[in-house]
Amino acid sequence: MKPIKFSRDETKAMVAEIQDYFRLELDQTIGQMPAEMLMTFFAEKMGAYYYNRGLHDAQELLRKKLESISDALYALEQPTKGAR
């Protein structure tokens, strides 16, 4: 799998979320560098789990949509005397 890369703006937003979490939930402060290192750790070690879950969810959605399209096409068939 290709490494997950985030834009600078995405990284800044995620770092801010980590800092907010530490402040609000753990009543601790965490600097920008440690927060970015934690974000990088999760991206490298846990990112594939989230990525794969997203792929599975997308595959399931696509399967359902294709099934719905197939049903709609079948409903368009006109009756004939010949075999299908």
PDB file of N, CA and C in Angstrom:
ATOM      1  N   MET A   1       0.836  -1.172   0.000  1.00  0.00           N
ATOM      2  CA  MET A   1       0.000   0.000   0.000  1.00  0.00           C
ATOM      3  C   MET A   1       0.879   1.233   0.000  1.00  0.00           C
ATOM      4  N   LYS A   2       0.494   2.169  -0.789  1.00  0.00           N
ATOM      5  CA  LYS A   2       1.184   3.444  -0.869  1.00  0.00           C
ATOM      6  C   LYS A   2       1.020   4.193   0.459  1.00  0.00           C
ATOM      7  N   PRO A   3       2.083   4.822   0.963  1.00  0.00           N
ATOM      8  CA  PRO A   3       1.968   5.549   2.239  1.00  0.00           C
ATOM      9  C   PRO A   3       0.891   6.641   2.166  1.00  0.00           C
ATOM     10  N   ILE A   4       0.184   6.813   3.275  1.00  0.00           N
ATOM     11  CA  ILE A   4      -0.845   7.843   3.354  1.00  0.00           C
ATOM     12  C   ILE A   4      -0.154   9.187   3.582  1.00  0.00           C
ATOM     13  N   LYS A   5      -0.426  10.124   2.712  1.00  0.00           N
ATOM     14  CA  LYS A   5       0.158  11.465   2.813  1.00  0.00           C
ATOM     15  C   LYS A   5      -0.967  12.468   2.991  1.00  0.00           C
ATOM     16  N   PHE A   6      -0.753  13.441   3.851  1.00  0.00           N
ATOM     17  CA  PHE A   6      -1.719  14.494   4.080  1.00  0.00           C
ATOM     18  C   PHE A   6      -1.105  15.831   3.701  1.00  0.00           C
ATOM     19  N   SER A   7      -1.969  16.735   3.250  1.00  0.00           N
ATOM     20  CA  SER A   7      -1.502  18.077   2.932  1.00  0.00           C
ATOM     21  C   SER A   7      -1.112  18.786   4.231  1.00  0.00           C
ATOM     22  N   ARG A   8      -0.427  19.881   4.101  1.00  0.00           N
ATOM     23  CA  ARG A   8      -0.020  20.638   5.282  1.00  0.00           C
ATOM     24  C   ARG A   8      -1.262  21.107   6.057  1.00  0.00           C
ATOM     25  N   ASP A   9      -2.291  21.564   5.329  1.00  0.00           N
ATOM     26  CA  ASP A   9      -3.513  22.018   5.994  1.00  0.00           C
ATOM     27  C   ASP A   9      -4.212  20.879   6.726  1.00  0.00           C
ATOM     28  N   GLU A  10      -4.256  19.691   6.105  1.00  0.00           N
ATOM     29  CA  GLU A  10      -4.857  18.533   6.766  1.00  0.00           C
ATOM     30  C   GLU A  10      -4.076  18.169   8.027  1.00  0.00           C
ATOM     31  N   THR A  11      -2.746  18.184   7.920  1.00  0.00           N
ATOM     32  CA  THR A  11      -1.896  17.870   9.067  1.00  0.00           C
ATOM     33  C   THR A  11      -2.136  18.863  10.195  1.00  0.00           C
ATOM     34  N   LYS A  12      -2.179  20.147   9.867  1.00  0.00           N
ATOM     35  CA  LYS A  12      -2.419  21.168  10.895  1.00  0.00           C
ATOM     36  C   LYS A  12      -3.764  20.961  11.575  1.00  0.00           C
ATOM     37  N   ALA A  13      -4.787  20.616  10.798  1.00  0.00           N
ATOM     38  CA  ALA A  13      -6.118  20.391  11.361  1.00  0.00           C
ATOM     39  C   ALA A  13      -6.114  19.184  12.295  1.00  0.00           C
ATOM     40  N   MET A  14      -5.453  18.106  11.879  1.00  0.00           N
ATOM     41  CA  MET A  14      -5.406  16.901  12.711  1.00  0.00           C
ATOM     42  C   MET A  14      -4.600  17.135  13.986  1.00  0.00           C
ATOM     43  N   VAL A  15      -3.493  17.844  13.866  1.00  0.00           N
ATOM     44  CA  VAL A  15      -2.687  18.171  15.040  1.00  0.00           C
ATOM     45  C   VAL A  15      -3.517  18.983  16.024  1.00  0.00           C
ATOM     46  N   ALA A  16      -4.277  19.948  15.529  1.00  0.00           N
ATOM     47  CA  ALA A  16      -5.138  20.755  16.395  1.00  0.00           C
ATOM     48  C   ALA A  16      -6.188  19.883  17.078  1.00  0.00           C
ATOM     49  N   GLU A  17      -6.743  18.900  16.349  1.00  0.00           N
ATOM     50  CA  GLU A  17      -7.722  17.977  16.946  1.00  0.00           C
ATOM     51  C   GLU A  17      -7.083  17.161  18.073  1.00  0.00           C
ATOM     52  N   ILE A  18      -5.869  16.694  17.863  1.00  0.00           N
ATOM     53  CA  ILE A  18      -5.157  15.923  18.893  1.00  0.00           C
ATOM     54  C   ILE A  18      -4.904  16.800  20.107  1.00  0.00           C
ATOM     55  N   GLN A  19      -4.456  18.018  19.871  1.00  0.00           N
ATOM     56  CA  GLN A  19      -4.195  18.931  20.984  1.00  0.00           C
ATOM     57  C   GLN A  19      -5.488  19.224  21.754  1.00  0.00           C
ATOM     58  N   ASP A  20      -6.579  19.435  21.035  1.00  0.00           N
ATOM     59  CA  ASP A  20      -7.864  19.679  21.691  1.00  0.00           C
ATOM     60  C   ASP A  20      -8.288  18.472  22.513  1.00  0.00           C
ATOM     61  N   TYR A  21      -8.103  17.269  21.962  1.00  0.00           N
ATOM     62  CA  TYR A  21      -8.471  16.052  22.680  1.00  0.00           C
ATOM     63  C   TYR A  21      -7.687  15.948  23.986  1.00  0.00           C
ATOM     64  N   PHE A  22      -6.388  16.144  23.917  1.00  0.00           N
ATOM     65  CA  PHE A  22      -5.558  16.061  25.117  1.00  0.00           C
ATOM     66  C   PHE A  22      -6.003  17.087  26.155  1.00  0.00           C
ATOM     67  N   ARG A  23      -6.312  18.305  25.690  1.00  0.00           N
ATOM     68  CA  ARG A  23      -6.701  19.375  26.604  1.00  0.00           C
ATOM     69  C   ARG A  23      -8.072  19.096  27.222  1.00  0.00           C
ATOM     70  N   LEU A  24      -9.046  18.712  26.394  1.00  0.00           N
ATOM     71  CA  LEU A  24     -10.415  18.560  26.877  1.00  0.00           C
ATOM     72  C   LEU A  24     -10.668  17.237  27.592  1.00  0.00           C
ATOM     73  N   GLU A  25     -10.116  16.159  27.076  1.00  0.00           N
ATOM     74  CA  GLU A  25     -10.410  14.840  27.619  1.00  0.00           C
ATOM     75  C   GLU A  25      -9.414  14.372  28.673  1.00  0.00           C
ATOM     76  N   LEU A  26      -8.167  14.782  28.521  1.00  0.00           N
ATOM     77  CA  LEU A  26      -7.120  14.302  29.427  1.00  0.00           C
ATOM     78  C   LEU A  26      -6.593  15.385  30.358  1.00  0.00           C
ATOM     79  N   ASP A  27      -7.084  16.601  30.164  1.00  0.00           N
ATOM     80  CA  ASP A  27      -6.655  17.752  30.966  1.00  0.00           C
ATOM     81  C   ASP A  27      -5.125  17.900  30.944  1.00  0.00           C
ATOM     82  N   GLN A  28      -4.569  17.712  29.743  1.00  0.00           N
ATOM     83  CA  GLN A  28      -3.128  17.844  29.540  1.00  0.00           C
ATOM     84  C   GLN A  28      -2.886  18.658  28.286  1.00  0.00           C
ATOM     85  N   THR A  29      -1.715  19.264  28.247  1.00  0.00           N
ATOM     86  CA  THR A  29      -1.343  19.964  27.021  1.00  0.00           C
ATOM     87  C   THR A  29      -0.312  19.115  26.292  1.00  0.00           C
ATOM     88  N   ILE A  30      -0.355  19.205  24.992  1.00  0.00           N
ATOM     89  CA  ILE A  30       0.612  18.496  24.163  1.00  0.00           C
ATOM     90  C   ILE A  30       1.057  19.483  23.094  1.00  0.00           C
ATOM     91  N   GLY A  31       2.345  19.542  22.889  1.00  0.00           N
ATOM     92  CA  GLY A  31       2.894  20.478  21.915  1.00  0.00           C
ATOM     93  C   GLY A  31       2.622  20.048  20.486  1.00  0.00           C
ATOM     94  N   GLN A  32       2.929  20.942  19.575  1.00  0.00           N
ATOM     95  CA  GLN A  32       2.680  20.670  18.159  1.00  0.00           C
ATOM     96  C   GLN A  32       3.509  19.492  17.659  1.00  0.00           C
ATOM     97  N   MET A  33       4.788  19.459  18.013  1.00  0.00           N
ATOM     98  CA  MET A  33       5.664  18.378  17.541  1.00  0.00           C
ATOM     99  C   MET A  33       5.210  17.020  18.062  1.00  0.00           C
ATOM    100  N   PRO A  34       4.983  16.848  19.379  1.00  0.00           N
ATOM    101  CA  PRO A  34       4.497  15.542  19.841  1.00  0.00           C
ATOM    102  C   PRO A  34       3.139  15.165  19.229  1.00  0.00           C
ATOM    103  N   ALA A  35       2.256  16.144  19.056  1.00  0.00           N
ATOM    104  CA  ALA A  35       0.950  15.854  18.449  1.00  0.00           C
ATOM    105  C   ALA A  35       1.120  15.400  17.004  1.00  0.00           C
ATOM    106  N   GLU A  36       2.043  16.032  16.276  1.00  0.00           N
ATOM    107  CA  GLU A  36       2.292  15.631  14.891  1.00  0.00           C
ATOM    108  C   GLU A  36       2.925  14.246  14.834  1.00  0.00           C
ATOM    109  N   MET A  37       3.801  13.951  15.782  1.00  0.00           N
ATOM    110  CA  MET A  37       4.406  12.614  15.831  1.00  0.00           C
ATOM    111  C   MET A  37       3.340  11.559  16.120  1.00  0.00           C
ATOM    112  N   LEU A  38       2.405  11.869  17.014  1.00  0.00           N
ATOM    113  CA  LEU A  38       1.322  10.943  17.320  1.00  0.00           C
ATOM    114  C   LEU A  38       0.432  10.736  16.093  1.00  0.00           C
ATOM    115  N   MET A  39       0.141  11.822  15.391  1.00  0.00           N
ATOM    116  CA  MET A  39      -0.667  11.732  14.172  1.00  0.00           C
ATOM    117  C   MET A  39       0.052  10.879  13.125  1.00  0.00           C
ATOM    118  N   THR A  40       1.335  11.070  12.971  1.00  0.00           N
ATOM    119  CA  THR A  40       2.124  10.288  12.015  1.00  0.00           C
ATOM    120  C   THR A  40       2.123   8.807  12.404  1.00  0.00           C
ATOM    121  N   PHE A  41       2.277   8.539  13.693  1.00  0.00           N
ATOM    122  CA  PHE A  41       2.230   7.156  14.176  1.00  0.00           C
ATOM    123  C   PHE A  41       0.911   6.495  13.788  1.00  0.00           C
ATOM    124  N   PHE A  42      -0.206   7.175  14.076  1.00  0.00           N
ATOM    125  CA  PHE A  42      -1.509   6.601  13.751  1.00  0.00           C
ATOM    126  C   PHE A  42      -1.691   6.452  12.247  1.00  0.00           C
ATOM    127  N   ALA A  43      -1.203   7.407  11.485  1.00  0.00           N
ATOM    128  CA  ALA A  43      -1.322   7.313  10.026  1.00  0.00           C
ATOM    129  C   ALA A  43      -0.550   6.098   9.515  1.00  0.00           C
ATOM    130  N   GLU A  44       0.660   5.895  10.038  1.00  0.00           N
ATOM    131  CA  GLU A  44       1.507   4.796   9.558  1.00  0.00           C
ATOM    132  C   GLU A  44       1.055   3.430  10.080  1.00  0.00           C
ATOM    133  N   LYS A  45       0.662   3.362  11.344  1.00  0.00           N
ATOM    134  CA  LYS A  45       0.355   2.075  11.965  1.00  0.00           C
ATOM    135  C   LYS A  45      -1.121   1.699  11.913  1.00  0.00           C
ATOM    136  N   MET A  46      -2.010   2.680  11.937  1.00  0.00           N
ATOM    137  CA  MET A  46      -3.441   2.406  11.986  1.00  0.00           C
ATOM    138  C   MET A  46      -4.169   2.811  10.709  1.00  0.00           C
ATOM    139  N   GLY A  47      -3.542   3.628   9.912  1.00  0.00           N
ATOM    140  CA  GLY A  47      -4.181   4.154   8.708  1.00  0.00           C
ATOM    141  C   GLY A  47      -4.702   3.069   7.783  1.00  0.00           C
ATOM    142  N   ALA A  48      -3.953   1.984   7.641  1.00  0.00           N
ATOM    143  CA  ALA A  48      -4.373   0.902   6.740  1.00  0.00           C
ATOM    144  C   ALA A  48      -5.686   0.268   7.198  1.00  0.00           C
ATOM    145  N   TYR A  49      -5.908   0.195   8.506  1.00  0.00           N
ATOM    146  CA  TYR A  49      -7.166  -0.362   9.011  1.00  0.00           C
ATOM    147  C   TYR A  49      -8.347   0.511   8.587  1.00  0.00           C
ATOM    148  N   TYR A  50      -8.192   1.815   8.743  1.00  0.00           N
ATOM    149  CA  TYR A  50      -9.262   2.744   8.351  1.00  0.00           C
ATOM    150  C   TYR A  50      -9.438   2.760   6.833  1.00  0.00           C
ATOM    151  N   TYR A  51      -8.335   2.720   6.125  1.00  0.00           N
ATOM    152  CA  TYR A  51      -8.379   2.702   4.661  1.00  0.00           C
ATOM    153  C   TYR A  51      -9.113   1.453   4.164  1.00  0.00           C
ATOM    154  N   ASN A  52      -8.745   0.311   4.717  1.00  0.00           N
ATOM    155  CA  ASN A  52      -9.388  -0.942   4.316  1.00  0.00           C
ATOM    156  C   ASN A  52     -10.871  -0.952   4.666  1.00  0.00           C
ATOM    157  N   ARG A  53     -11.235  -0.407   5.829  1.00  0.00           N
ATOM    158  CA  ARG A  53     -12.648  -0.339   6.209  1.00  0.00           C
ATOM    159  C   ARG A  53     -13.393   0.522   5.195  1.00  0.00           C
ATOM    160  N   GLY A  54     -12.797   1.631   4.782  1.00  0.00           N
ATOM    161  CA  GLY A  54     -13.408   2.490   3.775  1.00  0.00           C
ATOM    162  C   GLY A  54     -13.594   1.753   2.455  1.00  0.00           C
ATOM    163  N   LEU A  55     -12.599   0.964   2.062  1.00  0.00           N
ATOM    164  CA  LEU A  55     -12.724   0.178   0.835  1.00  0.00           C
ATOM    165  C   LEU A  55     -13.852  -0.839   0.931  1.00  0.00           C
ATOM    166  N   HIS A  56     -13.927  -1.533   2.070  1.00  0.00           N
ATOM    167  CA  HIS A  56     -14.993  -2.523   2.259  1.00  0.00           C
ATOM    168  C   HIS A  56     -16.364  -1.855   2.229  1.00  0.00           C
ATOM    169  N   ASP A  57     -16.469  -0.699   2.881  1.00  0.00           N
ATOM    170  CA  ASP A  57     -17.740   0.031   2.881  1.00  0.00           C
ATOM    171  C   ASP A  57     -18.114   0.468   1.462  1.00  0.00           C
ATOM    172  N   ALA A  58     -17.122   0.938   0.715  1.00  0.00           N
ATOM    173  CA  ALA A  58     -17.380   1.366  -0.673  1.00  0.00           C
ATOM    174  C   ALA A  58     -17.788   0.173  -1.532  1.00  0.00           C
ATOM    175  N   GLN A  59     -17.128  -0.972  -1.359  1.00  0.00           N
ATOM    176  CA  GLN A  59     -17.480  -2.171  -2.119  1.00  0.00           C
ATOM    177  C   GLN A  59     -18.907  -2.608  -1.820  1.00  0.00           C
ATOM    178  N   GLU A  60     -19.302  -2.556  -0.557  1.00  0.00           N
ATOM    179  CA  GLU A  60     -20.658  -2.956  -0.173  1.00  0.00           C
ATOM    180  C   GLU A  60     -21.686  -1.998  -0.774  1.00  0.00           C
ATOM    181  N   LEU A  61     -21.407  -0.714  -0.728  1.00  0.00           N
ATOM    182  CA  LEU A  61     -22.305   0.267  -1.321  1.00  0.00           C
ATOM    183  C   LEU A  61     -22.436   0.037  -2.823  1.00  0.00           C
ATOM    184  N   LEU A  62     -21.314  -0.183  -3.484  1.00  0.00           N
ATOM    185  CA  LEU A  62     -21.322  -0.435  -4.920  1.00  0.00           C
ATOM    186  C   LEU A  62     -22.092  -1.713  -5.249  1.00  0.00           C
ATOM    187  N   ARG A  63     -21.895  -2.763  -4.454  1.00  0.00           N
ATOM    188  CA  ARG A  63     -22.619  -4.021  -4.665  1.00  0.00           C
ATOM    189  C   ARG A  63     -24.124  -3.789  -4.579  1.00  0.00           C
ATOM    190  N   LYS A  64     -24.562  -3.043  -3.566  1.00  0.00           N
ATOM    191  CA  LYS A  64     -25.988  -2.760  -3.407  1.00  0.00           C
ATOM    192  C   LYS A  64     -26.525  -1.927  -4.564  1.00  0.00           C
ATOM    193  N   LYS A  65     -25.764  -0.948  -5.007  1.00  0.00           N
ATOM    194  CA  LYS A  65     -26.211  -0.096  -6.119  1.00  0.00           C
ATOM    195  C   LYS A  65     -26.305  -0.913  -7.407  1.00  0.00           C
ATOM    196  N   LEU A  66     -25.311  -1.773  -7.662  1.00  0.00           N
ATOM    197  CA  LEU A  66     -25.349  -2.610  -8.863  1.00  0.00           C
ATOM    198  C   LEU A  66     -26.515  -3.586  -8.829  1.00  0.00           C
ATOM    199  N   GLU A  67     -26.794  -4.117  -7.654  1.00  0.00           N
ATOM    200  CA  GLU A  67     -27.934  -5.019  -7.509  1.00  0.00           C
ATOM    201  C   GLU A  67     -29.235  -4.266  -7.797  1.00  0.00           C
ATOM    202  N   SER A  68     -29.330  -3.051  -7.315  1.00  0.00           N
ATOM    203  CA  SER A  68     -30.517  -2.229  -7.555  1.00  0.00           C
ATOM    204  C   SER A  68     -30.674  -1.912  -9.044  1.00  0.00           C
ATOM    205  N   ILE A  69     -29.564  -1.601  -9.692  1.00  0.00           N
ATOM    206  CA  ILE A  69     -29.603  -1.331 -11.138  1.00  0.00           C
ATOM    207  C   ILE A  69     -30.016  -2.584 -11.898  1.00  0.00           C
ATOM    208  N   SER A  70     -29.476  -3.723 -11.505  1.00  0.00           N
ATOM    209  CA  SER A  70     -29.819  -4.989 -12.152  1.00  0.00           C
ATOM    210  C   SER A  70     -31.312  -5.274 -12.006  1.00  0.00           C
ATOM    211  N   ASP A  71     -31.844  -5.039 -10.814  1.00  0.00           N
ATOM    212  CA  ASP A  71     -33.281  -5.241 -10.592  1.00  0.00           C
ATOM    213  C   ASP A  71     -34.104  -4.293 -11.460  1.00  0.00           C
ATOM    214  N   ALA A  72     -33.664  -3.046 -11.568  1.00  0.00           N
ATOM    215  CA  ALA A  72     -34.388  -2.061 -12.372  1.00  0.00           C
ATOM    216  C   ALA A  72     -34.358  -2.447 -13.852  1.00  0.00           C
ATOM    217  N   LEU A  73     -33.237  -2.944 -14.323  1.00  0.00           N
ATOM    218  CA  LEU A  73     -33.139  -3.387 -15.720  1.00  0.00           C
ATOM    219  C   LEU A  73     -34.032  -4.595 -15.969  1.00  0.00           C
ATOM    220  N   TYR A  74     -34.040  -5.511 -15.037  1.00  0.00           N
ATOM    221  CA  TYR A  74     -34.892  -6.700 -15.167  1.00  0.00           C
ATOM    222  C   TYR A  74     -36.364  -6.284 -15.237  1.00  0.00           C
ATOM    223  N   ALA A  75     -36.752  -5.282 -14.456  1.00  0.00           N
ATOM    224  CA  ALA A  75     -38.131  -4.807 -14.447  1.00  0.00           C
ATOM    225  C   ALA A  75     -38.532  -4.188 -15.780  1.00  0.00           C
ATOM    226  N   LEU A  76     -37.550  -3.761 -16.580  1.00  0.00           N
ATOM    227  CA  LEU A  76     -37.840  -3.160 -17.875  1.00  0.00           C
ATOM    228  C   LEU A  76     -38.117  -4.202 -18.969  1.00  0.00           C
ATOM    229  N   GLU A  77     -37.792  -5.461 -18.693  1.00  0.00           N
ATOM    230  CA  GLU A  77     -37.995  -6.496 -19.710  1.00  0.00           C
ATOM    231  C   GLU A  77     -39.459  -6.596 -20.106  1.00  0.00           C
ATOM    232  N   GLN A  78     -39.647  -6.812 -21.356  1.00  0.00           N
ATOM    233  CA  GLN A  78     -40.990  -6.986 -21.907  1.00  0.00           C
ATOM    234  C   GLN A  78     -41.266  -8.482 -22.042  1.00  0.00           C
ATOM    235  N   PRO A  79     -42.500  -8.879 -21.808  1.00  0.00           N
ATOM    236  CA  PRO A  79     -42.825 -10.306 -21.932  1.00  0.00           C
ATOM    237  C   PRO A  79     -42.718 -10.769 -23.388  1.00  0.00           C
ATOM    238  N   THR A  80     -42.181 -11.943 -23.577  1.00  0.00           N
ATOM    239  CA  THR A  80     -42.097 -12.569 -24.894  1.00  0.00           C
ATOM    240  C   THR A  80     -42.474 -14.040 -24.767  1.00  0.00           C
ATOM    241  N   LYS A  81     -42.713 -14.664 -25.896  1.00  0.00           N
ATOM    242  CA  LYS A  81     -43.031 -16.094 -25.873  1.00  0.00           C
ATOM    243  C   LYS A  81     -41.787 -16.958 -25.832  1.00  0.00           C
ATOM    244  N   GLY A  82     -40.680 -16.398 -26.291  1.00  0.00           N
ATOM    245  CA  GLY A  82     -39.434 -17.162 -26.338  1.00  0.00           C
ATOM    246  C   GLY A  82     -38.762 -17.231 -24.985  1.00  0.00           C
ATOM    247  N   ALA A  83     -37.806 -18.129 -24.908  1.00  0.00           N
ATOM    248  CA  ALA A  83     -37.033 -18.264 -23.679  1.00  0.00           C
ATOM    249  C   ALA A  83     -36.136 -17.053 -23.490  1.00  0.00           C
ATOM    250  N   ARG A  84     -35.775 -16.816 -22.348  1.00  0.00           N
ATOM    251  CA  ARG A  84     -34.922 -15.689 -21.973  1.00  0.00           C
ATOM    252  C   ARG A  84     -33.502 -15.883 -22.371  1.00  0.00           C
TER     253      ARG A  84
END
